[in-house]
């Protein structure tokens, strides 16, 4: 099975990274771009959003706070915090105890 993005020869990460570099990223814009894939009952919107957050942190290459991520992606702050906490719990992110900012695990 190939996804819509792979049918065009691009990985989701490549598309997200490109949009991030252009500053054209918001959850709404990305959900619109992947509307067909997200309509599938087999696709998790929450996982999609988590992947967008990971791609955002990769593109920024610097620690980001909850408000930074929420504003950049046009997400609710409490929703963003929940996604970040989940990514920390599963070892994909770490939170600096002093700054309270998040970064990807290296």
PDB file of N, CA and C in Angstrom:
ATOM      1  N   UNK A   1       0.845  -1.174   0.000  1.00  0.00           N
ATOM      2  CA  UNK A   1       0.000   0.000   0.000  1.00  0.00           C
ATOM      3  C   UNK A   1       0.893   1.241   0.000  1.00  0.00           C
ATOM      4  N   UNK A   2       0.612   2.190  -0.863  1.00  0.00           N
ATOM      5  CA  UNK A   2       1.378   3.432  -0.892  1.00  0.00           C
ATOM      6  C   UNK A   2       0.489   4.574  -0.471  1.00  0.00           C
ATOM      7  N   UNK A   3       1.075   5.490   0.233  1.00  0.00           N
ATOM      8  CA  UNK A   3       0.308   6.662   0.657  1.00  0.00           C
ATOM      9  C   UNK A   3       0.269   7.658  -0.473  1.00  0.00           C
ATOM     10  N   UNK A   4      -0.597   8.627  -0.349  1.00  0.00           N
ATOM     11  CA  UNK A   4      -0.703   9.674  -1.353  1.00  0.00           C
ATOM     12  C   UNK A   4       0.604  10.397  -1.543  1.00  0.00           C
ATOM     13  N   UNK A   5       1.307  10.668  -0.453  1.00  0.00           N
ATOM     14  CA  UNK A   5       2.569  11.389  -0.578  1.00  0.00           C
ATOM     15  C   UNK A   5       3.628  10.531  -1.251  1.00  0.00           C
ATOM     16  N   UNK A   6       3.635   9.226  -1.004  1.00  0.00           N
ATOM     17  CA  UNK A   6       4.626   8.372  -1.636  1.00  0.00           C
ATOM     18  C   UNK A   6       4.300   8.136  -3.101  1.00  0.00           C
ATOM     19  N   UNK A   7       3.047   8.205  -3.485  1.00  0.00           N
ATOM     20  CA  UNK A   7       2.696   8.074  -4.898  1.00  0.00           C
ATOM     21  C   UNK A   7       3.346   9.182  -5.702  1.00  0.00           C
ATOM     22  N   UNK A   8       3.588  10.313  -5.093  1.00  0.00           N
ATOM     23  CA  UNK A   8       4.205  11.443  -5.772  1.00  0.00           C
ATOM     24  C   UNK A   8       5.712  11.465  -5.562  1.00  0.00           C
ATOM     25  N   UNK A   9       6.263  10.427  -4.951  1.00  0.00           N
ATOM     26  CA  UNK A   9       7.698  10.325  -4.766  1.00  0.00           C
ATOM     27  C   UNK A   9       8.245  11.106  -3.583  1.00  0.00           C
ATOM     28  N   UNK A  10       7.384  11.575  -2.704  1.00  0.00           N
ATOM     29  CA  UNK A  10       7.838  12.336  -1.542  1.00  0.00           C
ATOM     30  C   UNK A  10       7.393  11.644  -0.271  1.00  0.00           C
ATOM     31  N   UNK A  11       8.260  11.634   0.705  1.00  0.00           N
ATOM     32  CA  UNK A  11       7.855  11.126   2.005  1.00  0.00           C
ATOM     33  C   UNK A  11       7.111  12.234   2.743  1.00  0.00           C
ATOM     34  N   UNK A  12       6.314  11.856   3.705  1.00  0.00           N
ATOM     35  CA  UNK A  12       5.627  12.846   4.531  1.00  0.00           C
ATOM     36  C   UNK A  12       6.647  13.771   5.168  1.00  0.00           C
ATOM     37  N   UNK A  13       7.752  13.202   5.650  1.00  0.00           N
ATOM     38  CA  UNK A  13       8.768  14.042   6.287  1.00  0.00           C
ATOM     39  C   UNK A  13       9.305  15.087   5.317  1.00  0.00           C
ATOM     40  N   UNK A  14       9.578  14.696   4.073  1.00  0.00           N
ATOM     41  CA  UNK A  14      10.114  15.650   3.092  1.00  0.00           C
ATOM     42  C   UNK A  14       9.131  16.784   2.845  1.00  0.00           C
ATOM     43  N   UNK A  15       7.858  16.452   2.746  1.00  0.00           N
ATOM     44  CA  UNK A  15       6.836  17.480   2.528  1.00  0.00           C
ATOM     45  C   UNK A  15       6.750  18.399   3.737  1.00  0.00           C
ATOM     46  N   UNK A  16       6.700  17.817   4.933  1.00  0.00           N
ATOM     47  CA  UNK A  16       6.623  18.625   6.154  1.00  0.00           C
ATOM     48  C   UNK A  16       7.847  19.515   6.294  1.00  0.00           C
ATOM     49  N   UNK A  17       9.020  18.956   6.052  1.00  0.00           N
ATOM     50  CA  UNK A  17      10.249  19.742   6.181  1.00  0.00           C
ATOM     51  C   UNK A  17      10.253  20.894   5.186  1.00  0.00           C
ATOM     52  N   UNK A  18       9.788  20.647   3.973  1.00  0.00           N
ATOM     53  CA  UNK A  18       9.717  21.708   2.972  1.00  0.00           C
ATOM     54  C   UNK A  18       8.763  22.812   3.379  1.00  0.00           C
ATOM     55  N   UNK A  19       7.608  22.437   3.886  1.00  0.00           N
ATOM     56  CA  UNK A  19       6.637  23.433   4.331  1.00  0.00           C
ATOM     57  C   UNK A  19       7.169  24.213   5.519  1.00  0.00           C
ATOM     58  N   UNK A  20       7.834  23.526   6.422  1.00  0.00           N
ATOM     59  CA  UNK A  20       8.396  24.197   7.587  1.00  0.00           C
ATOM     60  C   UNK A  20       9.433  25.232   7.172  1.00  0.00           C
ATOM     61  N   UNK A  21      10.286  24.872   6.217  1.00  0.00           N
ATOM     62  CA  UNK A  21      11.314  25.804   5.753  1.00  0.00           C
ATOM     63  C   UNK A  21      10.695  27.036   5.113  1.00  0.00           C
ATOM     64  N   UNK A  22       9.554  26.848   4.470  1.00  0.00           N
ATOM     65  CA  UNK A  22       8.883  27.971   3.815  1.00  0.00           C
ATOM     66  C   UNK A  22       8.020  28.761   4.786  1.00  0.00           C
ATOM     67  N   UNK A  23       7.922  28.317   6.019  1.00  0.00           N
ATOM     68  CA  UNK A  23       7.098  29.005   6.998  1.00  0.00           C
ATOM     69  C   UNK A  23       5.611  28.857   6.722  1.00  0.00           C
ATOM     70  N   UNK A  24       5.251  27.847   5.950  1.00  0.00           N
ATOM     71  CA  UNK A  24       3.858  27.671   5.546  1.00  0.00           C
ATOM     72  C   UNK A  24       3.168  26.597   6.368  1.00  0.00           C
ATOM     73  N   UNK A  25       3.634  26.397   7.570  1.00  0.00           N
ATOM     74  CA  UNK A  25       3.106  25.291   8.340  1.00  0.00           C
ATOM     75  C   UNK A  25       2.090  25.737   9.367  1.00  0.00           C
ATOM     76  N   UNK A  26       0.979  25.096   9.330  1.00  0.00           N
ATOM     77  CA  UNK A  26       0.017  25.120  10.421  1.00  0.00           C
ATOM     78  C   UNK A  26      -0.668  23.775  10.350  1.00  0.00           C
ATOM     79  N   UNK A  27      -1.195  23.338  11.453  1.00  0.00           N
ATOM     80  CA  UNK A  27      -1.892  22.058  11.445  1.00  0.00           C
ATOM     81  C   UNK A  27      -3.017  22.098  10.418  1.00  0.00           C
ATOM     82  N   UNK A  28      -3.755  23.203  10.386  1.00  0.00           N
ATOM     83  CA  UNK A  28      -4.861  23.322   9.437  1.00  0.00           C
ATOM     84  C   UNK A  28      -4.410  23.193   7.995  1.00  0.00           C
ATOM     85  N   UNK A  29      -3.301  23.849   7.649  1.00  0.00           N
ATOM     86  CA  UNK A  29      -2.789  23.785   6.276  1.00  0.00           C
ATOM     87  C   UNK A  29      -2.352  22.370   5.923  1.00  0.00           C
ATOM     88  N   UNK A  30      -1.682  21.712   6.851  1.00  0.00           N
ATOM     89  CA  UNK A  30      -1.238  20.349   6.574  1.00  0.00           C
ATOM     90  C   UNK A  30      -2.399  19.374   6.520  1.00  0.00           C
ATOM     91  N   UNK A  31      -3.387  19.553   7.397  1.00  0.00           N
ATOM     92  CA  UNK A  31      -4.551  18.676   7.346  1.00  0.00           C
ATOM     93  C   UNK A  31      -5.302  18.874   6.033  1.00  0.00           C
ATOM     94  N   UNK A  32      -5.328  20.095   5.522  1.00  0.00           N
ATOM     95  CA  UNK A  32      -5.961  20.345   4.222  1.00  0.00           C
ATOM     96  C   UNK A  32      -5.180  19.641   3.112  1.00  0.00           C
ATOM     97  N   UNK A  33      -3.860  19.714   3.176  1.00  0.00           N
ATOM     98  CA  UNK A  33      -3.021  19.081   2.154  1.00  0.00           C
ATOM     99  C   UNK A  33      -3.204  17.564   2.147  1.00  0.00           C
ATOM    100  N   UNK A  34      -3.342  16.969   3.327  1.00  0.00           N
ATOM    101  CA  UNK A  34      -3.484  15.522   3.448  1.00  0.00           C
ATOM    102  C   UNK A  34      -4.930  15.102   3.732  1.00  0.00           C
ATOM    103  N   UNK A  35      -5.878  15.900   3.275  1.00  0.00           N
ATOM    104  CA  UNK A  35      -7.296  15.646   3.545  1.00  0.00           C
ATOM    105  C   UNK A  35      -7.704  14.223   3.164  1.00  0.00           C
ATOM    106  N   UNK A  36      -7.341  13.769   1.977  1.00  0.00           N
ATOM    107  CA  UNK A  36      -7.756  12.439   1.517  1.00  0.00           C
ATOM    108  C   UNK A  36      -7.217  11.347   2.435  1.00  0.00           C
ATOM    109  N   UNK A  37      -5.941  11.438   2.791  1.00  0.00           N
ATOM    110  CA  UNK A  37      -5.354  10.428   3.670  1.00  0.00           C
ATOM    111  C   UNK A  37      -6.001  10.461   5.052  1.00  0.00           C
ATOM    112  N   UNK A  38      -6.278  11.655   5.555  1.00  0.00           N
ATOM    113  CA  UNK A  38      -6.838  11.784   6.898  1.00  0.00           C
ATOM    114  C   UNK A  38      -8.300  11.373   6.981  1.00  0.00           C
ATOM    115  N   UNK A  39      -8.967  11.300   5.852  1.00  0.00           N
ATOM    116  CA  UNK A  39     -10.366  10.837   5.856  1.00  0.00           C
ATOM    117  C   UNK A  39     -10.468   9.335   6.078  1.00  0.00           C
ATOM    118  N   UNK A  40      -9.392   8.634   5.846  1.00  0.00           N
ATOM    119  CA  UNK A  40      -9.386   7.197   6.031  1.00  0.00           C
ATOM    120  C   UNK A  40      -9.588   6.872   7.506  1.00  0.00           C
ATOM    121  N   UNK A  41     -10.425   5.901   7.773  1.00  0.00           N
ATOM    122  CA  UNK A  41     -10.674   5.484   9.155  1.00  0.00           C
ATOM    123  C   UNK A  41      -9.428   4.844   9.765  1.00  0.00           C
ATOM    124  N   UNK A  42      -8.466   4.487   8.928  1.00  0.00           N
ATOM    125  CA  UNK A  42      -7.259   3.819   9.408  1.00  0.00           C
ATOM    126  C   UNK A  42      -6.160   4.806   9.786  1.00  0.00           C
ATOM    127  N   UNK A  43      -6.401   6.081   9.610  1.00  0.00           N
ATOM    128  CA  UNK A  43      -5.387   7.099   9.866  1.00  0.00           C
ATOM    129  C   UNK A  43      -5.691   7.817  11.179  1.00  0.00           C
ATOM    130  N   UNK A  44      -4.672   7.989  11.995  1.00  0.00           N
ATOM    131  CA  UNK A  44      -4.818   8.671  13.279  1.00  0.00           C
ATOM    132  C   UNK A  44      -4.462  10.148  13.147  1.00  0.00           C
ATOM    133  N   UNK A  45      -5.427  11.010  13.401  1.00  0.00           N
ATOM    134  CA  UNK A  45      -5.167  12.457  13.380  1.00  0.00           C
ATOM    135  C   UNK A  45      -4.168  12.835  14.468  1.00  0.00           C
ATOM    136  N   UNK A  46      -4.283  12.209  15.622  1.00  0.00           N
ATOM    137  CA  UNK A  46      -3.378  12.528  16.729  1.00  0.00           C
ATOM    138  C   UNK A  46      -1.938  12.172  16.368  1.00  0.00           C
ATOM    139  N   UNK A  47      -1.740  11.021  15.752  1.00  0.00           N
ATOM    140  CA  UNK A  47      -0.389  10.639  15.352  1.00  0.00           C
ATOM    141  C   UNK A  47       0.137  11.602  14.294  1.00  0.00           C
ATOM    142  N   UNK A  48      -0.715  11.978  13.350  1.00  0.00           N
ATOM    143  CA  UNK A  48      -0.327  12.948  12.322  1.00  0.00           C
ATOM    144  C   UNK A  48       0.165  14.234  12.975  1.00  0.00           C
ATOM    145  N   UNK A  49      -0.588  14.726  13.942  1.00  0.00           N
ATOM    146  CA  UNK A  49      -0.199  15.961  14.624  1.00  0.00           C
ATOM    147  C   UNK A  49       1.104  15.782  15.400  1.00  0.00           C
ATOM    148  N   UNK A  50       1.271  14.631  16.017  1.00  0.00           N
ATOM    149  CA  UNK A  50       2.526  14.357  16.715  1.00  0.00           C
ATOM    150  C   UNK A  50       3.714  14.356  15.766  1.00  0.00           C
ATOM    151  N   UNK A  51       3.520  13.785  14.580  1.00  0.00           N
ATOM    152  CA  UNK A  51       4.587  13.784  13.578  1.00  0.00           C
ATOM    153  C   UNK A  51       4.895  15.194  13.101  1.00  0.00           C
ATOM    154  N   UNK A  52       3.870  16.018  12.983  1.00  0.00           N
ATOM    155  CA  UNK A  52       4.089  17.414  12.593  1.00  0.00           C
ATOM    156  C   UNK A  52       4.927  18.124  13.658  1.00  0.00           C
ATOM    157  N   UNK A  53       4.634  17.862  14.920  1.00  0.00           N
ATOM    158  CA  UNK A  53       5.415  18.472  16.004  1.00  0.00           C
ATOM    159  C   UNK A  53       6.869  18.019  15.930  1.00  0.00           C
ATOM    160  N   UNK A  54       7.092  16.729  15.700  1.00  0.00           N
ATOM    161  CA  UNK A  54       8.464  16.224  15.576  1.00  0.00           C
ATOM    162  C   UNK A  54       9.163  16.892  14.394  1.00  0.00           C
ATOM    163  N   UNK A  55       8.483  16.996  13.255  1.00  0.00           N
ATOM    164  CA  UNK A  55       9.077  17.649  12.080  1.00  0.00           C
ATOM    165  C   UNK A  55       9.393  19.112  12.377  1.00  0.00           C
ATOM    166  N   UNK A  56       8.503  19.775  13.106  1.00  0.00           N
ATOM    167  CA  UNK A  56       8.747  21.170  13.479  1.00  0.00           C
ATOM    168  C   UNK A  56      10.014  21.288  14.324  1.00  0.00           C
ATOM    169  N   UNK A  57      10.144  20.427  15.325  1.00  0.00           N
ATOM    170  CA  UNK A  57      11.322  20.478  16.188  1.00  0.00           C
ATOM    171  C   UNK A  57      12.594  20.153  15.405  1.00  0.00           C
ATOM    172  N   UNK A  58      12.496  19.238  14.453  1.00  0.00           N
ATOM    173  CA  UNK A  58      13.643  18.937  13.590  1.00  0.00           C
ATOM    174  C   UNK A  58      14.041  20.157  12.770  1.00  0.00           C
ATOM    175  N   UNK A  59      13.058  20.841  12.235  1.00  0.00           N
ATOM    176  CA  UNK A  59      13.343  21.980  11.353  1.00  0.00           C
ATOM    177  C   UNK A  59      13.894  23.173  12.122  1.00  0.00           C
ATOM    178  N   UNK A  60      13.464  23.344  13.351  1.00  0.00           N
ATOM    179  CA  UNK A  60      13.924  24.483  14.150  1.00  0.00           C
ATOM    180  C   UNK A  60      15.328  24.263  14.687  1.00  0.00           C
ATOM    181  N   UNK A  61      15.683  23.004  14.927  1.00  0.00           N
ATOM    182  CA  UNK A  61      17.017  22.646  15.411  1.00  0.00           C
ATOM    183  C   UNK A  61      17.410  23.433  16.665  1.00  0.00           C
ATOM    184  N   UNK A  62      16.426  23.711  17.499  1.00  0.00           N
ATOM    185  CA  UNK A  62      16.660  24.411  18.763  1.00  0.00           C
ATOM    186  C   UNK A  62      15.538  24.035  19.720  1.00  0.00           C
ATOM    187  N   UNK A  63      15.811  24.170  21.002  1.00  0.00           N
ATOM    188  CA  UNK A  63      14.769  23.892  21.989  1.00  0.00           C
ATOM    189  C   UNK A  63      13.597  24.839  21.784  1.00  0.00           C
ATOM    190  N   UNK A  64      12.389  24.315  22.003  1.00  0.00           N
ATOM    191  CA  UNK A  64      11.172  25.100  21.831  1.00  0.00           C
ATOM    192  C   UNK A  64      10.279  24.909  23.045  1.00  0.00           C
ATOM    193  N   UNK A  65       9.639  25.971  23.472  1.00  0.00           N
ATOM    194  CA  UNK A  65       8.678  25.887  24.558  1.00  0.00           C
ATOM    195  C   UNK A  65       7.292  25.526  24.041  1.00  0.00           C
ATOM    196  N   UNK A  66       6.417  25.210  24.956  1.00  0.00           N
ATOM    197  CA  UNK A  66       5.043  24.857  24.583  1.00  0.00           C
ATOM    198  C   UNK A  66       4.410  25.975  23.762  1.00  0.00           C
ATOM    199  N   UNK A  67       4.542  27.211  24.223  1.00  0.00           N
ATOM    200  CA  UNK A  67       3.942  28.334  23.489  1.00  0.00           C
ATOM    201  C   UNK A  67       4.551  28.506  22.111  1.00  0.00           C
ATOM    202  N   UNK A  68       5.858  28.281  21.985  1.00  0.00           N
ATOM    203  CA  UNK A  68       6.520  28.380  20.680  1.00  0.00           C
ATOM    204  C   UNK A  68       5.899  27.399  19.692  1.00  0.00           C
ATOM    205  N   UNK A  69       5.753  26.159  20.127  1.00  0.00           N
ATOM    206  CA  UNK A  69       5.206  25.113  19.262  1.00  0.00           C
ATOM    207  C   UNK A  69       3.742  25.403  18.949  1.00  0.00           C
ATOM    208  N   UNK A  70       2.973  25.739  19.972  1.00  0.00           N
ATOM    209  CA  UNK A  70       1.543  26.004  19.773  1.00  0.00           C
ATOM    210  C   UNK A  70       1.317  27.149  18.796  1.00  0.00           C
ATOM    211  N   UNK A  71       2.048  28.225  18.960  1.00  0.00           N
ATOM    212  CA  UNK A  71       1.880  29.378  18.066  1.00  0.00           C
ATOM    213  C   UNK A  71       2.311  29.052  16.644  1.00  0.00           C
ATOM    214  N   UNK A  72       3.452  28.396  16.513  1.00  0.00           N
ATOM    215  CA  UNK A  72       3.972  28.086  15.178  1.00  0.00           C
ATOM    216  C   UNK A  72       3.037  27.171  14.402  1.00  0.00           C
ATOM    217  N   UNK A  73       2.429  26.217  15.097  1.00  0.00           N
ATOM    218  CA  UNK A  73       1.578  25.235  14.427  1.00  0.00           C
ATOM    219  C   UNK A  73       0.095  25.565  14.521  1.00  0.00           C
ATOM    220  N   UNK A  74      -0.218  26.666  15.192  1.00  0.00           N
ATOM    221  CA  UNK A  74      -1.606  27.093  15.373  1.00  0.00           C
ATOM    222  C   UNK A  74      -2.435  26.018  16.066  1.00  0.00           C
ATOM    223  N   UNK A  75      -1.866  25.508  17.151  1.00  0.00           N
ATOM    224  CA  UNK A  75      -2.536  24.515  17.985  1.00  0.00           C
ATOM    225  C   UNK A  75      -2.900  25.134  19.325  1.00  0.00           C
ATOM    226  N   UNK A  76      -3.901  24.570  19.965  1.00  0.00           N
ATOM    227  CA  UNK A  76      -4.276  24.945  21.316  1.00  0.00           C
ATOM    228  C   UNK A  76      -3.111  24.618  22.249  1.00  0.00           C
ATOM    229  N   UNK A  77      -2.850  25.479  23.215  1.00  0.00           N
ATOM    230  CA  UNK A  77      -1.704  25.294  24.112  1.00  0.00           C
ATOM    231  C   UNK A  77      -1.829  24.007  24.925  1.00  0.00           C
ATOM    232  N   UNK A  78      -3.002  23.727  25.466  1.00  0.00           N
ATOM    233  CA  UNK A  78      -3.137  22.513  26.283  1.00  0.00           C
ATOM    234  C   UNK A  78      -3.003  21.255  25.423  1.00  0.00           C
ATOM    235  N   UNK A  79      -3.489  21.304  24.198  1.00  0.00           N
ATOM    236  CA  UNK A  79      -3.329  20.178  23.276  1.00  0.00           C
ATOM    237  C   UNK A  79      -1.853  19.978  22.956  1.00  0.00           C
ATOM    238  N   UNK A  80      -1.163  21.069  22.691  1.00  0.00           N
ATOM    239  CA  UNK A  80       0.269  21.005  22.395  1.00  0.00           C
ATOM    240  C   UNK A  80       1.027  20.411  23.573  1.00  0.00           C
ATOM    241  N   UNK A  81       0.697  20.851  24.776  1.00  0.00           N
ATOM    242  CA  UNK A  81       1.360  20.322  25.969  1.00  0.00           C
ATOM    243  C   UNK A  81       1.141  18.818  26.089  1.00  0.00           C
ATOM    244  N   UNK A  82      -0.062  18.366  25.821  1.00  0.00           N
ATOM    245  CA  UNK A  82      -0.374  16.936  25.898  1.00  0.00           C
ATOM    246  C   UNK A  82       0.451  16.146  24.874  1.00  0.00           C
ATOM    247  N   UNK A  83       0.553  16.650  23.646  1.00  0.00           N
ATOM    248  CA  UNK A  83       1.365  15.972  22.629  1.00  0.00           C
ATOM    249  C   UNK A  83       2.833  15.927  23.050  1.00  0.00           C
ATOM    250  N   UNK A  84       3.351  17.048  23.524  1.00  0.00           N
ATOM    251  CA  UNK A  84       4.752  17.097  23.946  1.00  0.00           C
ATOM    252  C   UNK A  84       5.007  16.147  25.110  1.00  0.00           C
ATOM    253  N   UNK A  85       4.112  16.128  26.082  1.00  0.00           N
ATOM    254  CA  UNK A  85       4.262  15.227  27.232  1.00  0.00           C
ATOM    255  C   UNK A  85       4.255  13.767  26.785  1.00  0.00           C
ATOM    256  N   UNK A  86       3.432  13.447  25.806  1.00  0.00           N
ATOM    257  CA  UNK A  86       3.381  12.082  25.275  1.00  0.00           C
ATOM    258  C   UNK A  86       4.696  11.726  24.593  1.00  0.00           C
ATOM    259  N   UNK A  87       5.222  12.649  23.794  1.00  0.00           N
ATOM    260  CA  UNK A  87       6.491  12.405  23.106  1.00  0.00           C
ATOM    261  C   UNK A  87       7.645  12.263  24.100  1.00  0.00           C
ATOM    262  N   UNK A  88       7.588  12.991  25.203  1.00  0.00           N
ATOM    263  CA  UNK A  88       8.592  12.841  26.267  1.00  0.00           C
ATOM    264  C   UNK A  88       8.441  11.472  26.927  1.00  0.00           C
ATOM    265  N   UNK A  89       7.213  11.089  27.243  1.00  0.00           N
ATOM    266  CA  UNK A  89       6.959   9.820  27.926  1.00  0.00           C
ATOM    267  C   UNK A  89       7.481   8.628  27.130  1.00  0.00           C
ATOM    268  N   UNK A  90       7.458   8.739  25.804  1.00  0.00           N
ATOM    269  CA  UNK A  90       7.921   7.642  24.958  1.00  0.00           C
ATOM    270  C   UNK A  90       9.356   7.824  24.476  1.00  0.00           C
ATOM    271  N   UNK A  91      10.061   8.791  25.054  1.00  0.00           N
ATOM    272  CA  UNK A  91      11.480   8.925  24.808  1.00  0.00           C
ATOM    273  C   UNK A  91      11.890   9.597  23.515  1.00  0.00           C
ATOM    274  N   UNK A  92      10.971  10.265  22.835  1.00  0.00           N
ATOM    275  CA  UNK A  92      11.327  10.958  21.594  1.00  0.00           C
ATOM    276  C   UNK A  92      11.809  12.378  21.844  1.00  0.00           C
ATOM    277  N   UNK A  93      11.339  12.970  22.932  1.00  0.00           N
ATOM    278  CA  UNK A  93      11.739  14.322  23.307  1.00  0.00           C
ATOM    279  C   UNK A  93      12.249  14.310  24.734  1.00  0.00           C
ATOM    280  N   UNK A  94      13.026  15.336  25.052  1.00  0.00           N
ATOM    281  CA  UNK A  94      13.393  15.600  26.442  1.00  0.00           C
ATOM    282  C   UNK A  94      13.044  17.050  26.736  1.00  0.00           C
ATOM    283  N   UNK A  95      12.758  17.294  28.007  1.00  0.00           N
ATOM    284  CA  UNK A  95      12.452  18.652  28.437  1.00  0.00           C
ATOM    285  C   UNK A  95      13.559  19.124  29.368  1.00  0.00           C
ATOM    286  N   UNK A  96      14.119  20.280  29.059  1.00  0.00           N
ATOM    287  CA  UNK A  96      15.153  20.868  29.912  1.00  0.00           C
ATOM    288  C   UNK A  96      14.486  21.294  31.217  1.00  0.00           C
ATOM    289  N   UNK A  97      14.957  20.788  32.360  1.00  0.00           N
ATOM    290  CA  UNK A  97      14.306  21.112  33.629  1.00  0.00           C
ATOM    291  C   UNK A  97      14.404  22.588  34.011  1.00  0.00           C
ATOM    292  N   UNK A  98      15.419  23.275  33.511  1.00  0.00           N
ATOM    293  CA  UNK A  98      15.574  24.695  33.848  1.00  0.00           C
ATOM    294  C   UNK A  98      14.738  25.601  32.949  1.00  0.00           C
ATOM    295  N   UNK A  99      14.824  25.382  31.644  1.00  0.00           N
ATOM    296  CA  UNK A  99      14.116  26.262  30.700  1.00  0.00           C
ATOM    297  C   UNK A  99      12.698  25.786  30.413  1.00  0.00           C
ATOM    298  N   UNK A 100      12.421  24.519  30.712  1.00  0.00           N
ATOM    299  CA  UNK A 100      11.126  23.879  30.441  1.00  0.00           C
ATOM    300  C   UNK A 100      10.875  23.730  28.935  1.00  0.00           C
ATOM    301  N   UNK A 101      11.913  23.895  28.123  1.00  0.00           N
ATOM    302  CA  UNK A 101      11.779  23.762  26.669  1.00  0.00           C
ATOM    303  C   UNK A 101      12.091  22.337  26.247  1.00  0.00           C
ATOM    304  N   UNK A 102      11.592  21.984  25.064  1.00  0.00           N
ATOM    305  CA  UNK A 102      11.698  20.624  24.553  1.00  0.00           C
ATOM    306  C   UNK A 102      12.668  20.558  23.384  1.00  0.00           C
ATOM    307  N   UNK A 103      13.301  19.382  23.267  1.00  0.00           N
ATOM    308  CA  UNK A 103      14.141  19.112  22.103  1.00  0.00           C
ATOM    309  C   UNK A 103      14.071  17.621  21.803  1.00  0.00           C
ATOM    310  N   UNK A 104      14.423  17.286  20.577  1.00  0.00           N
ATOM    311  CA  UNK A 104      14.459  15.883  20.186  1.00  0.00           C
ATOM    312  C   UNK A 104      15.615  15.181  20.876  1.00  0.00           C
ATOM    313  N   UNK A 105      15.428  13.918  21.167  1.00  0.00           N
ATOM    314  CA  UNK A 105      16.489  13.100  21.740  1.00  0.00           C
ATOM    315  C   UNK A 105      17.506  12.828  20.641  1.00  0.00           C
ATOM    316  N   UNK A 106      18.769  12.966  20.985  1.00  0.00           N
ATOM    317  CA  UNK A 106      19.817  12.724  19.979  1.00  0.00           C
ATOM    318  C   UNK A 106      20.414  11.353  20.132  1.00  0.00           C
TER     319      UNK A 106
END
